[in-house]
Amino acid sequence: MPTLGEIKKDSEIGYKGSFKRIYHACEKCGKERWVVVRDGKAKCKLCSTCAKSDPNRRLKVGKKGDKHWKWNGGKSIIDGYIQVKIDPDDFFYQMAKQKQNYILEHRLVMAKHLGRCLQSWEIVHHKNGIKDDNRLENLELTTAGSHVLEHNKGYGDGYRKGFTDGQTSQIKELRKELKLIQWQNSQLLEELRKIKSEA
């Protein structure tokens, strides 16, 4: 059993991490537990139960939006696509994902261009395939079916081109190897003839 005031590393007492901890008793209820050390003292004077019920506890009010230190202009990138934060009173808010205030930027650009909200079945396609290039001239409104056909056509064309290019290079390599084998055979035949003529 540890003694009060004893200090140990996380790894020595079964915690994952690299903190030092002190064995400390809650100043309200006396419950003993390991607490992170800060400046040689216990960081938390009260256990979690007592801290929650303490009327003097300071509530930390989080800063939101542009007041938050990690504010990035209301944009984030998910799977290569740019998402934009949108206000609930914005005309295009109904296109945002449920319970979130974010909308895919390429869909918002197309909707603003058309002057209406996009239907869920309408797909905005990036012509050059670059997901974060949301210039209007790079976007094209399509349906899911034609979008899949267009992508598959591109993949098929690329596959066929790669296949024929690969075949052509393989044929060239095989021709080189065949010439080498023919040359080696002619050399062996000459050596055989020399051996027979000497014998």
N, C-alpha and C. Protein backbone atom coordinates (compact mmCIF):
# COMPACT_ATOMS: atom_id res chain seq x y z
N MET A 1 0.86 -1.19 0.00
CA MET A 1 0.00 0.00 0.00
C MET A 1 0.89 1.24 0.00
N PRO A 2 0.66 2.17 -0.94
CA PRO A 2 1.47 3.38 -0.98
C PRO A 2 1.20 4.28 0.22
N THR A 3 2.17 5.11 0.52
CA THR A 3 2.00 6.06 1.63
C THR A 3 1.66 7.43 1.06
N LEU A 4 0.92 8.21 1.83
CA LEU A 4 0.55 9.56 1.39
C LEU A 4 1.80 10.38 1.13
N GLY A 5 1.80 11.11 0.01
CA GLY A 5 2.94 11.96 -0.34
C GLY A 5 3.98 11.25 -1.21
N GLU A 6 3.82 9.94 -1.40
CA GLU A 6 4.76 9.17 -2.22
C GLU A 6 4.58 9.55 -3.70
N ILE A 7 5.69 9.77 -4.41
CA ILE A 7 5.64 10.17 -5.82
C ILE A 7 6.25 9.06 -6.68
N LYS A 8 5.53 8.69 -7.76
CA LYS A 8 6.01 7.65 -8.68
C LYS A 8 5.67 8.04 -10.11
N LYS A 9 6.37 7.40 -11.05
CA LYS A 9 6.09 7.60 -12.47
C LYS A 9 4.88 6.76 -12.86
N ASP A 10 4.17 7.19 -13.92
CA ASP A 10 2.99 6.46 -14.41
C ASP A 10 3.30 4.98 -14.65
N SER A 11 4.44 4.71 -15.30
CA SER A 11 4.79 3.34 -15.66
C SER A 11 4.99 2.45 -14.43
N GLU A 12 5.35 3.03 -13.31
CA GLU A 12 5.59 2.24 -12.09
C GLU A 12 4.29 1.84 -11.39
N ILE A 13 3.20 2.54 -11.69
CA ILE A 13 1.95 2.25 -10.98
C ILE A 13 0.83 1.79 -11.92
N GLY A 14 1.20 1.45 -13.17
CA GLY A 14 0.23 0.87 -14.09
C GLY A 14 -0.53 1.84 -14.96
N TYR A 15 -0.15 3.11 -14.95
CA TYR A 15 -0.79 4.09 -15.83
C TYR A 15 -0.04 4.13 -17.16
N LYS A 16 -0.75 4.45 -18.22
CA LYS A 16 -0.10 4.70 -19.50
C LYS A 16 0.17 6.20 -19.56
N GLY A 17 1.36 6.58 -19.86
CA GLY A 17 1.69 7.99 -19.93
C GLY A 17 3.07 8.24 -19.36
N SER A 18 3.41 9.52 -19.24
CA SER A 18 4.75 9.87 -18.76
C SER A 18 4.70 10.91 -17.64
N PHE A 19 3.58 10.94 -16.92
CA PHE A 19 3.45 11.87 -15.81
C PHE A 19 4.06 11.28 -14.54
N LYS A 20 4.32 12.18 -13.59
CA LYS A 20 4.64 11.74 -12.23
C LYS A 20 3.36 11.95 -11.43
N ARG A 21 3.10 11.03 -10.51
CA ARG A 21 1.88 11.12 -9.70
C ARG A 21 2.24 11.03 -8.22
N ILE A 22 1.40 11.69 -7.43
CA ILE A 22 1.57 11.67 -5.98
C ILE A 22 0.36 10.98 -5.36
N TYR A 23 0.61 10.17 -4.32
CA TYR A 23 -0.49 9.52 -3.62
C TYR A 23 -1.06 10.54 -2.65
N HIS A 24 -2.31 10.97 -2.89
CA HIS A 24 -2.88 12.12 -2.20
C HIS A 24 -4.29 11.79 -1.71
N ALA A 25 -4.66 12.36 -0.57
CA ALA A 25 -6.01 12.18 -0.03
C ALA A 25 -6.86 13.40 -0.38
N CYS A 26 -8.11 13.13 -0.75
CA CYS A 26 -9.06 14.21 -1.06
C CYS A 26 -9.21 15.09 0.18
N GLU A 27 -9.14 16.40 -0.01
CA GLU A 27 -9.21 17.32 1.13
C GLU A 27 -10.62 17.43 1.71
N LYS A 28 -11.61 16.88 1.02
CA LYS A 28 -12.99 16.96 1.52
C LYS A 28 -13.43 15.65 2.15
N CYS A 29 -13.28 14.52 1.42
CA CYS A 29 -13.79 13.25 1.93
C CYS A 29 -12.69 12.31 2.42
N GLY A 30 -11.43 12.60 2.10
CA GLY A 30 -10.32 11.77 2.56
C GLY A 30 -9.99 10.58 1.67
N LYS A 31 -10.67 10.42 0.56
CA LYS A 31 -10.41 9.30 -0.35
C LYS A 31 -8.98 9.42 -0.91
N GLU A 32 -8.22 8.33 -0.80
CA GLU A 32 -6.83 8.33 -1.26
C GLU A 32 -6.76 7.83 -2.70
N ARG A 33 -5.94 8.53 -3.53
CA ARG A 33 -5.78 8.14 -4.93
C ARG A 33 -4.51 8.76 -5.49
N TRP A 34 -4.09 8.26 -6.68
CA TRP A 34 -2.93 8.81 -7.38
C TRP A 34 -3.37 10.03 -8.17
N VAL A 35 -2.65 11.13 -8.04
CA VAL A 35 -2.98 12.40 -8.70
C VAL A 35 -1.73 12.92 -9.41
N VAL A 36 -1.91 13.54 -10.57
CA VAL A 36 -0.79 14.12 -11.32
C VAL A 36 -0.12 15.21 -10.48
N VAL A 37 1.22 15.22 -10.52
CA VAL A 37 2.00 16.21 -9.77
C VAL A 37 2.23 17.44 -10.64
N ARG A 38 2.03 18.61 -10.06
CA ARG A 38 2.37 19.87 -10.73
C ARG A 38 3.09 20.74 -9.70
N ASP A 39 4.30 21.15 -10.03
CA ASP A 39 5.14 21.96 -9.14
C ASP A 39 5.32 21.30 -7.77
N GLY A 40 5.47 19.99 -7.77
CA GLY A 40 5.72 19.24 -6.54
C GLY A 40 4.49 19.02 -5.68
N LYS A 41 3.31 19.45 -6.14
CA LYS A 41 2.07 19.30 -5.37
C LYS A 41 1.03 18.58 -6.20
N ALA A 42 -0.01 18.09 -5.54
CA ALA A 42 -1.11 17.42 -6.23
C ALA A 42 -1.85 18.44 -7.09
N LYS A 43 -2.07 18.09 -8.35
CA LYS A 43 -2.78 18.99 -9.27
C LYS A 43 -4.23 19.15 -8.83
N CYS A 44 -4.87 18.05 -8.43
CA CYS A 44 -6.27 18.08 -8.01
C CYS A 44 -6.35 17.83 -6.51
N LYS A 45 -6.88 18.78 -5.80
CA LYS A 45 -6.99 18.65 -4.34
C LYS A 45 -8.18 17.79 -3.94
N LEU A 46 -9.23 17.77 -4.78
CA LEU A 46 -10.45 17.02 -4.48
C LEU A 46 -10.58 15.83 -5.42
N CYS A 47 -11.23 14.76 -4.95
CA CYS A 47 -11.53 13.63 -5.83
C CYS A 47 -12.61 14.07 -6.81
N SER A 48 -12.85 13.29 -7.85
CA SER A 48 -13.80 13.71 -8.89
C SER A 48 -15.22 13.87 -8.33
N THR A 49 -15.63 13.01 -7.41
CA THR A 49 -16.98 13.10 -6.83
C THR A 49 -17.16 14.40 -6.06
N CYS A 50 -16.18 14.73 -5.22
CA CYS A 50 -16.27 15.97 -4.42
C CYS A 50 -16.14 17.20 -5.31
N ALA A 51 -15.30 17.12 -6.33
CA ALA A 51 -15.10 18.27 -7.22
C ALA A 51 -16.40 18.61 -7.95
N LYS A 52 -17.16 17.59 -8.34
CA LYS A 52 -18.42 17.83 -9.05
C LYS A 52 -19.46 18.49 -8.15
N SER A 53 -19.43 18.15 -6.86
CA SER A 53 -20.44 18.70 -5.95
C SER A 53 -19.98 19.98 -5.25
N ASP A 54 -18.76 20.44 -5.51
CA ASP A 54 -18.21 21.63 -4.86
C ASP A 54 -18.87 22.89 -5.43
N PRO A 55 -19.55 23.70 -4.59
CA PRO A 55 -20.21 24.91 -5.09
C PRO A 55 -19.21 26.00 -5.51
N ASN A 56 -17.99 25.94 -5.01
CA ASN A 56 -16.99 26.96 -5.34
C ASN A 56 -16.22 26.65 -6.63
N ARG A 57 -16.53 25.54 -7.23
CA ARG A 57 -15.77 25.13 -8.42
C ARG A 57 -16.05 26.09 -9.57
N ARG A 58 -14.98 26.41 -10.31
CA ARG A 58 -15.11 27.31 -11.45
C ARG A 58 -15.52 26.51 -12.68
N LEU A 59 -16.58 26.94 -13.32
CA LEU A 59 -17.00 26.29 -14.56
C LEU A 59 -16.18 26.87 -15.70
N LYS A 60 -15.59 26.00 -16.48
CA LYS A 60 -14.81 26.46 -17.63
C LYS A 60 -15.76 26.61 -18.81
N VAL A 61 -15.94 27.84 -19.24
CA VAL A 61 -16.81 28.11 -20.37
C VAL A 61 -15.93 28.12 -21.61
N GLY A 62 -16.19 27.17 -22.53
CA GLY A 62 -15.37 27.06 -23.73
C GLY A 62 -15.65 28.17 -24.72
N LYS A 63 -14.60 28.60 -25.37
CA LYS A 63 -14.76 29.61 -26.42
C LYS A 63 -15.13 28.89 -27.70
N LYS A 64 -16.06 29.48 -28.42
CA LYS A 64 -16.54 28.85 -29.65
C LYS A 64 -16.30 29.75 -30.84
N GLY A 65 -16.30 29.13 -32.02
CA GLY A 65 -16.19 29.88 -33.27
C GLY A 65 -14.87 30.60 -33.40
N ASP A 66 -14.92 31.85 -33.89
CA ASP A 66 -13.69 32.58 -34.16
C ASP A 66 -12.99 33.04 -32.88
N LYS A 67 -13.59 32.83 -31.72
CA LYS A 67 -12.94 33.17 -30.46
C LYS A 67 -12.08 32.01 -29.94
N HIS A 68 -12.26 30.82 -30.50
CA HIS A 68 -11.50 29.65 -30.07
C HIS A 68 -10.11 29.68 -30.71
N TRP A 69 -9.09 29.29 -29.96
CA TRP A 69 -7.71 29.38 -30.43
C TRP A 69 -7.42 28.45 -31.60
N LYS A 70 -8.22 27.42 -31.82
CA LYS A 70 -8.00 26.51 -32.94
C LYS A 70 -8.90 26.84 -34.14
N TRP A 71 -9.51 28.01 -34.14
CA TRP A 71 -10.42 28.40 -35.22
C TRP A 71 -9.66 28.42 -36.55
N ASN A 72 -10.24 27.80 -37.54
CA ASN A 72 -9.60 27.67 -38.85
C ASN A 72 -10.47 28.28 -39.94
N GLY A 73 -11.15 29.35 -39.62
CA GLY A 73 -12.00 30.00 -40.62
C GLY A 73 -13.27 29.23 -40.92
N GLY A 74 -13.61 28.26 -40.10
CA GLY A 74 -14.83 27.49 -40.31
C GLY A 74 -14.69 26.42 -41.36
N LYS A 75 -13.45 26.05 -41.69
CA LYS A 75 -13.23 25.02 -42.71
C LYS A 75 -12.50 23.84 -42.09
N SER A 76 -12.82 22.66 -42.59
CA SER A 76 -12.08 21.46 -42.21
C SER A 76 -12.01 20.56 -43.44
N ILE A 77 -11.05 19.65 -43.44
CA ILE A 77 -10.89 18.74 -44.57
C ILE A 77 -11.16 17.32 -44.09
N ILE A 78 -12.13 16.67 -44.71
CA ILE A 78 -12.51 15.30 -44.38
C ILE A 78 -12.40 14.47 -45.66
N ASP A 79 -11.58 13.44 -45.63
CA ASP A 79 -11.37 12.55 -46.79
C ASP A 79 -11.01 13.33 -48.06
N GLY A 80 -10.29 14.44 -47.90
CA GLY A 80 -9.85 15.23 -49.04
C GLY A 80 -10.82 16.31 -49.48
N TYR A 81 -12.05 16.27 -48.97
CA TYR A 81 -13.07 17.26 -49.33
C TYR A 81 -13.09 18.38 -48.28
N ILE A 82 -13.27 19.61 -48.73
CA ILE A 82 -13.35 20.75 -47.81
C ILE A 82 -14.78 20.88 -47.31
N GLN A 83 -14.92 20.99 -45.98
CA GLN A 83 -16.22 21.25 -45.38
C GLN A 83 -16.21 22.66 -44.82
N VAL A 84 -17.33 23.36 -44.96
CA VAL A 84 -17.44 24.75 -44.53
C VAL A 84 -18.52 24.86 -43.47
N LYS A 85 -18.21 25.62 -42.40
CA LYS A 85 -19.21 25.86 -41.35
C LYS A 85 -20.25 26.84 -41.88
N ILE A 86 -21.50 26.54 -41.60
CA ILE A 86 -22.60 27.36 -42.12
C ILE A 86 -23.56 27.67 -40.97
N ASP A 87 -24.06 28.89 -40.92
CA ASP A 87 -24.97 29.30 -39.84
C ASP A 87 -26.35 28.70 -40.05
N PRO A 88 -27.05 28.38 -38.95
CA PRO A 88 -28.40 27.81 -39.07
C PRO A 88 -29.40 28.72 -39.77
N ASP A 89 -29.16 30.03 -39.78
CA ASP A 89 -30.10 30.92 -40.46
C ASP A 89 -29.74 31.16 -41.93
N ASP A 90 -28.72 30.47 -42.43
CA ASP A 90 -28.32 30.58 -43.84
C ASP A 90 -29.32 29.84 -44.73
N PHE A 91 -29.58 30.38 -45.92
CA PHE A 91 -30.52 29.78 -46.87
C PHE A 91 -30.14 28.34 -47.22
N PHE A 92 -28.85 28.04 -47.30
CA PHE A 92 -28.37 26.73 -47.72
C PHE A 92 -28.16 25.76 -46.54
N TYR A 93 -28.56 26.17 -45.33
CA TYR A 93 -28.35 25.34 -44.14
C TYR A 93 -29.03 23.98 -44.25
N GLN A 94 -30.16 23.90 -44.93
CA GLN A 94 -30.88 22.62 -45.04
C GLN A 94 -30.06 21.57 -45.78
N MET A 95 -29.00 21.98 -46.49
CA MET A 95 -28.12 21.02 -47.17
C MET A 95 -27.06 20.46 -46.22
N ALA A 96 -26.91 21.06 -45.03
CA ALA A 96 -25.89 20.61 -44.07
C ALA A 96 -26.27 19.25 -43.50
N LYS A 97 -25.26 18.51 -43.05
CA LYS A 97 -25.52 17.21 -42.44
C LYS A 97 -26.31 17.42 -41.17
N GLN A 98 -27.17 16.46 -40.84
CA GLN A 98 -28.01 16.57 -39.64
C GLN A 98 -27.15 16.73 -38.40
N LYS A 99 -27.56 17.61 -37.51
CA LYS A 99 -26.93 17.89 -36.22
C LYS A 99 -25.51 18.44 -36.37
N GLN A 100 -25.15 18.88 -37.56
CA GLN A 100 -23.85 19.50 -37.78
C GLN A 100 -24.09 20.81 -38.52
N ASN A 101 -23.15 21.71 -38.41
CA ASN A 101 -23.27 22.98 -39.13
C ASN A 101 -22.29 23.03 -40.29
N TYR A 102 -21.92 21.87 -40.83
CA TYR A 102 -20.94 21.83 -41.92
C TYR A 102 -21.58 21.31 -43.20
N ILE A 103 -21.11 21.86 -44.32
CA ILE A 103 -21.58 21.46 -45.64
C ILE A 103 -20.35 21.32 -46.54
N LEU A 104 -20.39 20.38 -47.47
CA LEU A 104 -19.28 20.22 -48.40
C LEU A 104 -19.19 21.45 -49.29
N GLU A 105 -17.99 22.03 -49.36
CA GLU A 105 -17.82 23.30 -50.06
C GLU A 105 -18.19 23.21 -51.55
N HIS A 106 -17.86 22.11 -52.22
CA HIS A 106 -18.16 22.01 -53.65
C HIS A 106 -19.67 22.00 -53.90
N ARG A 107 -20.44 21.41 -52.98
CA ARG A 107 -21.90 21.43 -53.11
C ARG A 107 -22.45 22.84 -52.87
N LEU A 108 -21.86 23.55 -51.90
CA LEU A 108 -22.29 24.92 -51.61
C LEU A 108 -21.99 25.85 -52.79
N VAL A 109 -20.82 25.70 -53.40
CA VAL A 109 -20.45 26.53 -54.56
C VAL A 109 -21.46 26.32 -55.69
N MET A 110 -21.80 25.06 -55.97
CA MET A 110 -22.75 24.76 -57.05
C MET A 110 -24.15 25.28 -56.70
N ALA A 111 -24.58 25.11 -55.44
CA ALA A 111 -25.91 25.57 -55.03
C ALA A 111 -26.02 27.09 -55.15
N LYS A 112 -24.97 27.81 -54.74
CA LYS A 112 -24.99 29.27 -54.86
C LYS A 112 -25.03 29.69 -56.33
N HIS A 113 -24.31 28.95 -57.18
CA HIS A 113 -24.32 29.25 -58.61
C HIS A 113 -25.72 29.06 -59.20
N LEU A 114 -26.40 27.98 -58.79
CA LEU A 114 -27.75 27.70 -59.30
C LEU A 114 -28.82 28.53 -58.61
N GLY A 115 -28.50 29.07 -57.43
CA GLY A 115 -29.46 29.87 -56.69
C GLY A 115 -30.52 29.04 -55.99
N ARG A 116 -30.21 27.78 -55.73
CA ARG A 116 -31.17 26.89 -55.04
C ARG A 116 -30.39 25.82 -54.27
N CYS A 117 -31.09 25.16 -53.37
CA CYS A 117 -30.48 24.05 -52.64
C CYS A 117 -30.43 22.82 -53.54
N LEU A 118 -29.39 22.03 -53.39
CA LEU A 118 -29.26 20.80 -54.17
C LEU A 118 -30.05 19.68 -53.52
N GLN A 119 -30.59 18.81 -54.33
CA GLN A 119 -31.27 17.62 -53.82
C GLN A 119 -30.21 16.60 -53.40
N SER A 120 -30.56 15.68 -52.53
CA SER A 120 -29.59 14.69 -52.05
C SER A 120 -29.09 13.78 -53.16
N TRP A 121 -29.90 13.57 -54.20
CA TRP A 121 -29.50 12.69 -55.29
C TRP A 121 -28.63 13.39 -56.33
N GLU A 122 -28.50 14.71 -56.22
CA GLU A 122 -27.65 15.45 -57.16
C GLU A 122 -26.19 15.38 -56.70
N ILE A 123 -25.32 15.03 -57.61
CA ILE A 123 -23.90 14.87 -57.31
C ILE A 123 -23.14 16.00 -57.98
N VAL A 124 -22.18 16.58 -57.25
CA VAL A 124 -21.30 17.59 -57.84
C VAL A 124 -19.96 16.90 -58.10
N HIS A 125 -19.59 16.82 -59.37
CA HIS A 125 -18.39 16.10 -59.81
C HIS A 125 -17.23 17.07 -60.03
N HIS A 126 -16.04 16.71 -59.54
CA HIS A 126 -14.82 17.48 -59.81
C HIS A 126 -14.25 16.98 -61.14
N LYS A 127 -14.26 17.81 -62.16
CA LYS A 127 -13.83 17.39 -63.50
C LYS A 127 -12.38 16.92 -63.52
N ASN A 128 -11.50 17.62 -62.79
CA ASN A 128 -10.09 17.24 -62.82
C ASN A 128 -9.73 16.20 -61.76
N GLY A 129 -10.69 15.76 -60.96
CA GLY A 129 -10.47 14.72 -59.97
C GLY A 129 -9.83 15.20 -58.68
N ILE A 130 -9.51 16.49 -58.57
CA ILE A 130 -8.90 17.03 -57.36
C ILE A 130 -10.01 17.47 -56.42
N LYS A 131 -10.12 16.79 -55.27
CA LYS A 131 -11.27 16.96 -54.38
C LYS A 131 -11.37 18.35 -53.75
N ASP A 132 -10.24 19.04 -53.58
CA ASP A 132 -10.32 20.35 -52.93
C ASP A 132 -10.22 21.51 -53.92
N ASP A 133 -10.34 21.22 -55.22
CA ASP A 133 -10.37 22.27 -56.25
C ASP A 133 -11.84 22.61 -56.51
N ASN A 134 -12.36 23.58 -55.77
CA ASN A 134 -13.79 23.88 -55.81
C ASN A 134 -14.12 25.12 -56.64
N ARG A 135 -13.31 25.38 -57.67
CA ARG A 135 -13.64 26.47 -58.59
C ARG A 135 -14.85 26.03 -59.41
N LEU A 136 -15.73 26.97 -59.72
CA LEU A 136 -16.97 26.66 -60.44
C LEU A 136 -16.68 25.99 -61.78
N GLU A 137 -15.63 26.43 -62.49
CA GLU A 137 -15.31 25.85 -63.80
C GLU A 137 -14.82 24.40 -63.70
N ASN A 138 -14.48 23.95 -62.49
CA ASN A 138 -14.04 22.57 -62.30
C ASN A 138 -15.19 21.68 -61.81
N LEU A 139 -16.35 22.26 -61.56
CA LEU A 139 -17.47 21.49 -61.00
C LEU A 139 -18.54 21.24 -62.06
N GLU A 140 -19.19 20.09 -61.92
CA GLU A 140 -20.23 19.69 -62.88
C GLU A 140 -21.34 18.99 -62.11
N LEU A 141 -22.58 19.39 -62.33
CA LEU A 141 -23.73 18.78 -61.66
C LEU A 141 -24.16 17.55 -62.44
N THR A 142 -24.31 16.43 -61.74
CA THR A 142 -24.67 15.17 -62.39
C THR A 142 -25.52 14.33 -61.44
N THR A 143 -25.94 13.17 -61.91
CA THR A 143 -26.69 12.25 -61.04
C THR A 143 -25.75 11.12 -60.63
N ALA A 144 -26.17 10.35 -59.65
CA ALA A 144 -25.31 9.27 -59.15
C ALA A 144 -24.99 8.26 -60.24
N GLY A 145 -26.00 7.89 -61.04
CA GLY A 145 -25.80 6.89 -62.10
C GLY A 145 -24.79 7.34 -63.13
N SER A 146 -24.96 8.56 -63.65
CA SER A 146 -24.04 9.03 -64.68
C SER A 146 -22.65 9.31 -64.09
N HIS A 147 -22.59 9.67 -62.81
CA HIS A 147 -21.31 9.90 -62.14
C HIS A 147 -20.51 8.60 -62.07
N VAL A 148 -21.18 7.51 -61.71
CA VAL A 148 -20.52 6.20 -61.65
C VAL A 148 -20.06 5.77 -63.03
N LEU A 149 -20.93 5.95 -64.04
CA LEU A 149 -20.56 5.59 -65.42
C LEU A 149 -19.33 6.35 -65.88
N GLU A 150 -19.30 7.64 -65.59
CA GLU A 150 -18.17 8.48 -66.01
C GLU A 150 -16.88 8.04 -65.33
N HIS A 151 -16.96 7.76 -64.02
CA HIS A 151 -15.77 7.29 -63.29
C HIS A 151 -15.32 5.94 -63.84
N ASN A 152 -16.26 5.02 -64.05
CA ASN A 152 -15.90 3.69 -64.55
C ASN A 152 -15.31 3.77 -65.95
N LYS A 153 -15.83 4.67 -66.78
CA LYS A 153 -15.29 4.85 -68.13
C LYS A 153 -13.83 5.31 -68.04
N GLY A 154 -13.58 6.25 -67.14
CA GLY A 154 -12.21 6.75 -66.95
C GLY A 154 -11.28 5.65 -66.47
N TYR A 155 -11.76 4.85 -65.51
CA TYR A 155 -10.94 3.74 -65.01
C TYR A 155 -10.70 2.71 -66.11
N GLY A 156 -11.76 2.41 -66.88
CA GLY A 156 -11.64 1.43 -67.97
C GLY A 156 -10.66 1.89 -69.03
N ASP A 157 -10.77 3.17 -69.44
CA ASP A 157 -9.85 3.71 -70.44
C ASP A 157 -8.41 3.65 -69.94
N GLY A 158 -8.22 4.02 -68.69
CA GLY A 158 -6.87 3.99 -68.11
C GLY A 158 -6.34 2.57 -68.02
N TYR A 159 -7.21 1.63 -67.66
CA TYR A 159 -6.79 0.23 -67.56
C TYR A 159 -6.38 -0.30 -68.94
N ARG A 160 -7.22 -0.02 -69.95
CA ARG A 160 -6.90 -0.50 -71.31
C ARG A 160 -5.59 0.08 -71.81
N LYS A 161 -5.38 1.38 -71.58
CA LYS A 161 -4.14 2.02 -72.03
C LYS A 161 -2.95 1.40 -71.31
N GLY A 162 -3.07 1.22 -70.00
CA GLY A 162 -1.99 0.60 -69.23
C GLY A 162 -1.72 -0.83 -69.68
N PHE A 163 -2.80 -1.56 -69.97
CA PHE A 163 -2.66 -2.96 -70.40
C PHE A 163 -1.93 -3.05 -71.73
N THR A 164 -2.35 -2.22 -72.71
CA THR A 164 -1.69 -2.27 -74.02
C THR A 164 -0.26 -1.77 -73.94
N ASP A 165 -0.01 -0.73 -73.13
CA ASP A 165 1.37 -0.26 -72.94
C ASP A 165 2.22 -1.35 -72.32
N GLY A 166 1.65 -2.05 -71.35
CA GLY A 166 2.38 -3.15 -70.69
C GLY A 166 2.66 -4.28 -71.66
N GLN A 167 1.67 -4.61 -72.50
CA GLN A 167 1.87 -5.68 -73.49
C GLN A 167 2.97 -5.31 -74.46
N THR A 168 2.96 -4.08 -74.94
CA THR A 168 3.97 -3.62 -75.90
C THR A 168 5.37 -3.73 -75.30
N SER A 169 5.53 -3.28 -74.06
CA SER A 169 6.86 -3.35 -73.44
C SER A 169 7.26 -4.80 -73.18
N GLN A 170 6.31 -5.67 -72.84
CA GLN A 170 6.63 -7.08 -72.63
C GLN A 170 7.07 -7.73 -73.94
N ILE A 171 6.40 -7.39 -75.03
CA ILE A 171 6.76 -7.95 -76.34
C ILE A 171 8.18 -7.52 -76.71
N LYS A 172 8.52 -6.26 -76.47
CA LYS A 172 9.88 -5.77 -76.75
C LYS A 172 10.91 -6.55 -75.94
N GLU A 173 10.64 -6.76 -74.66
CA GLU A 173 11.56 -7.50 -73.79
C GLU A 173 11.72 -8.94 -74.28
N LEU A 174 10.60 -9.57 -74.64
CA LEU A 174 10.66 -10.96 -75.12
C LEU A 174 11.45 -11.06 -76.42
N ARG A 175 11.33 -10.08 -77.30
CA ARG A 175 12.09 -10.08 -78.55
C ARG A 175 13.59 -9.99 -78.26
N LYS A 176 13.96 -9.12 -77.30
CA LYS A 176 15.38 -9.00 -76.92
C LYS A 176 15.90 -10.33 -76.39
N GLU A 177 15.11 -10.96 -75.50
CA GLU A 177 15.52 -12.24 -74.93
C GLU A 177 15.64 -13.31 -76.01
N LEU A 178 14.72 -13.32 -76.97
CA LEU A 178 14.74 -14.29 -78.06
C LEU A 178 16.00 -14.12 -78.91
N LYS A 179 16.38 -12.88 -79.23
CA LYS A 179 17.60 -12.62 -79.99
C LYS A 179 18.82 -13.11 -79.23
N LEU A 180 18.84 -12.88 -77.91
CA LEU A 180 19.97 -13.33 -77.08
C LEU A 180 20.07 -14.85 -77.10
N ILE A 181 18.94 -15.53 -76.96
CA ILE A 181 18.92 -17.00 -76.97
C ILE A 181 19.37 -17.52 -78.33
N GLN A 182 18.92 -16.90 -79.41
CA GLN A 182 19.34 -17.32 -80.76
C GLN A 182 20.84 -17.15 -80.93
N TRP A 183 21.38 -16.04 -80.44
CA TRP A 183 22.83 -15.80 -80.53
C TRP A 183 23.60 -16.84 -79.72
N GLN A 184 23.10 -17.12 -78.48
CA GLN A 184 23.77 -18.12 -77.64
C GLN A 184 23.73 -19.49 -78.30
N ASN A 185 22.60 -19.84 -78.93
CA ASN A 185 22.49 -21.13 -79.64
C ASN A 185 23.49 -21.21 -80.79
N SER A 186 23.62 -20.13 -81.55
CA SER A 186 24.57 -20.14 -82.67
C SER A 186 26.00 -20.29 -82.16
N GLN A 187 26.32 -19.68 -81.03
CA GLN A 187 27.66 -19.82 -80.44
C GLN A 187 27.91 -21.26 -80.00
N LEU A 188 26.91 -21.86 -79.37
CA LEU A 188 27.04 -23.26 -78.93
C LEU A 188 27.20 -24.20 -80.12
N LEU A 189 26.46 -23.96 -81.20
CA LEU A 189 26.57 -24.79 -82.41
C LEU A 189 27.97 -24.69 -83.01
N GLU A 190 28.54 -23.49 -83.04
CA GLU A 190 29.90 -23.31 -83.56
C GLU A 190 30.91 -24.08 -82.72
N GLU A 191 30.76 -23.99 -81.38
CA GLU A 191 31.68 -24.72 -80.49
C GLU A 191 31.54 -26.22 -80.69
N LEU A 192 30.30 -26.71 -80.88
CA LEU A 192 30.07 -28.14 -81.12
C LEU A 192 30.74 -28.59 -82.42
N ARG A 193 30.62 -27.77 -83.46
CA ARG A 193 31.24 -28.10 -84.74
C ARG A 193 32.77 -28.16 -84.61
N LYS A 194 33.34 -27.22 -83.84
CA LYS A 194 34.79 -27.21 -83.63
C LYS A 194 35.23 -28.48 -82.90
N ILE A 195 34.45 -28.86 -81.88
CA ILE A 195 34.79 -30.06 -81.09
C ILE A 195 34.71 -31.30 -81.97
N LYS A 196 33.67 -31.40 -82.83
CA LYS A 196 33.51 -32.56 -83.72
C LYS A 196 34.62 -32.61 -84.76
N SER A 197 34.99 -31.42 -85.29
CA SER A 197 36.04 -31.40 -86.32
C SER A 197 37.41 -31.75 -85.73
N GLU A 198 37.65 -31.44 -84.47
CA GLU A 198 38.92 -31.77 -83.81
C GLU A 198 38.98 -33.24 -83.44
N ALA A 199 37.83 -33.88 -83.23
CA ALA A 199 37.80 -35.26 -82.79
C ALA A 199 37.96 -36.27 -83.88
